[in-house]
Amino acid sequence: MTADEIEDLNRARAALARQRNAIARRLSGLDVAPISMAEDLTRTLLAIEAVDRALVDAGQPHIDIGHRPDA
């Protein structure tokens, strides 16, 4: 895998992480969460895992450097 492809995967993972955080933020404000929102969160988490596996397969596992607030 090329350096550009690995960077694309890292950017994709970051976008998915932002999506995960946005869904979690919306869920946290609800008394009763709709199942569809939980399903969206589940699909997003599965996508993050898939990208993580691709990065591991490329020999470039994702390393969490800590929480960075969304800009």
Protein backbone atom coordinates (compact mmCIF):
# COMPACT_ATOMS: atom_id res chain seq x y z
CA MET A 1 0.00 0.00 0.00
CA THR A 2 1.36 3.42 -0.89
CA ALA A 3 1.86 6.29 1.53
CA ASP A 4 -1.00 8.16 -0.19
CA GLU A 5 -3.36 5.20 0.28
CA ILE A 6 -2.44 4.97 3.96
CA GLU A 7 -3.04 8.70 4.37
CA ASP A 8 -6.44 8.29 2.67
CA LEU A 9 -7.32 5.57 5.18
CA ASN A 10 -6.23 7.76 8.08
CA ARG A 11 -8.33 10.66 6.77
CA ALA A 12 -11.29 8.32 6.31
CA ARG A 13 -10.89 7.07 9.87
CA ALA A 14 -10.79 10.64 11.19
CA ALA A 15 -13.98 11.49 9.31
CA LEU A 16 -15.69 8.40 10.71
CA ALA A 17 -14.51 9.26 14.23
CA ARG A 18 -16.03 12.72 13.86
CA GLN A 19 -19.27 11.11 12.72
CA ARG A 20 -19.19 8.74 15.72
CA ASN A 21 -18.68 11.68 18.07
CA ALA A 22 -21.52 13.65 16.47
CA ILE A 23 -23.93 10.74 16.84
CA ALA A 24 -22.87 10.19 20.44
CA ARG A 25 -23.34 13.89 21.17
CA ARG A 26 -26.89 13.79 19.73
CA LEU A 27 -27.70 10.58 21.61
CA SER A 28 -26.51 12.03 24.90
CA GLY A 29 -29.07 14.81 24.66
CA LEU A 30 -32.05 12.49 24.32
CA ASP A 31 -34.13 10.89 27.04
CA VAL A 32 -35.16 8.08 24.69
CA ALA A 33 -32.94 7.38 21.72
CA PRO A 34 -34.47 6.12 18.49
CA ILE A 35 -33.24 2.70 17.41
CA SER A 36 -32.26 4.14 14.04
CA MET A 37 -29.74 6.42 15.72
CA ALA A 38 -28.24 3.47 17.60
CA GLU A 39 -28.04 1.61 14.29
CA ASP A 40 -26.22 4.57 12.73
CA LEU A 41 -23.72 4.50 15.60
CA THR A 42 -23.24 0.75 15.17
CA ARG A 43 -22.61 1.09 11.42
CA THR A 44 -20.12 3.89 12.06
CA LEU A 45 -18.25 1.84 14.65
CA LEU A 46 -18.08 -1.12 12.26
CA ALA A 47 -16.70 1.13 9.54
CA ILE A 48 -14.01 2.43 11.90
CA GLU A 49 -13.07 -1.16 12.74
CA ALA A 50 -12.84 -2.01 9.03
CA VAL A 51 -10.51 0.94 8.39
CA ASP A 52 -8.44 -0.06 11.42
CA ARG A 53 -8.09 -3.60 10.01
CA ALA A 54 -7.02 -2.20 6.64
CA LEU A 55 -4.37 -0.07 8.37
CA VAL A 56 -3.09 -3.09 10.31
CA ASP A 57 -2.97 -5.12 7.10
CA ALA A 58 -0.90 -2.32 5.57
CA GLY A 59 1.49 -2.47 8.52
CA GLN A 60 0.40 0.98 9.71
CA PRO A 61 -1.95 0.45 12.67
CA HIS A 62 -3.87 3.45 13.91
CA ILE A 63 -2.34 4.83 17.09
CA ASP A 64 -4.63 6.87 19.31
CA ILE A 65 -2.72 9.95 20.45
CA GLY A 66 -5.44 11.00 22.81
CA HIS A 67 -8.62 12.97 22.58
CA ARG A 68 -8.49 16.02 20.33
CA PRO A 69 -11.51 18.29 20.43
CA ASP A 70 -13.32 18.65 17.12
CA ALA A 71 -12.45 21.89 15.42
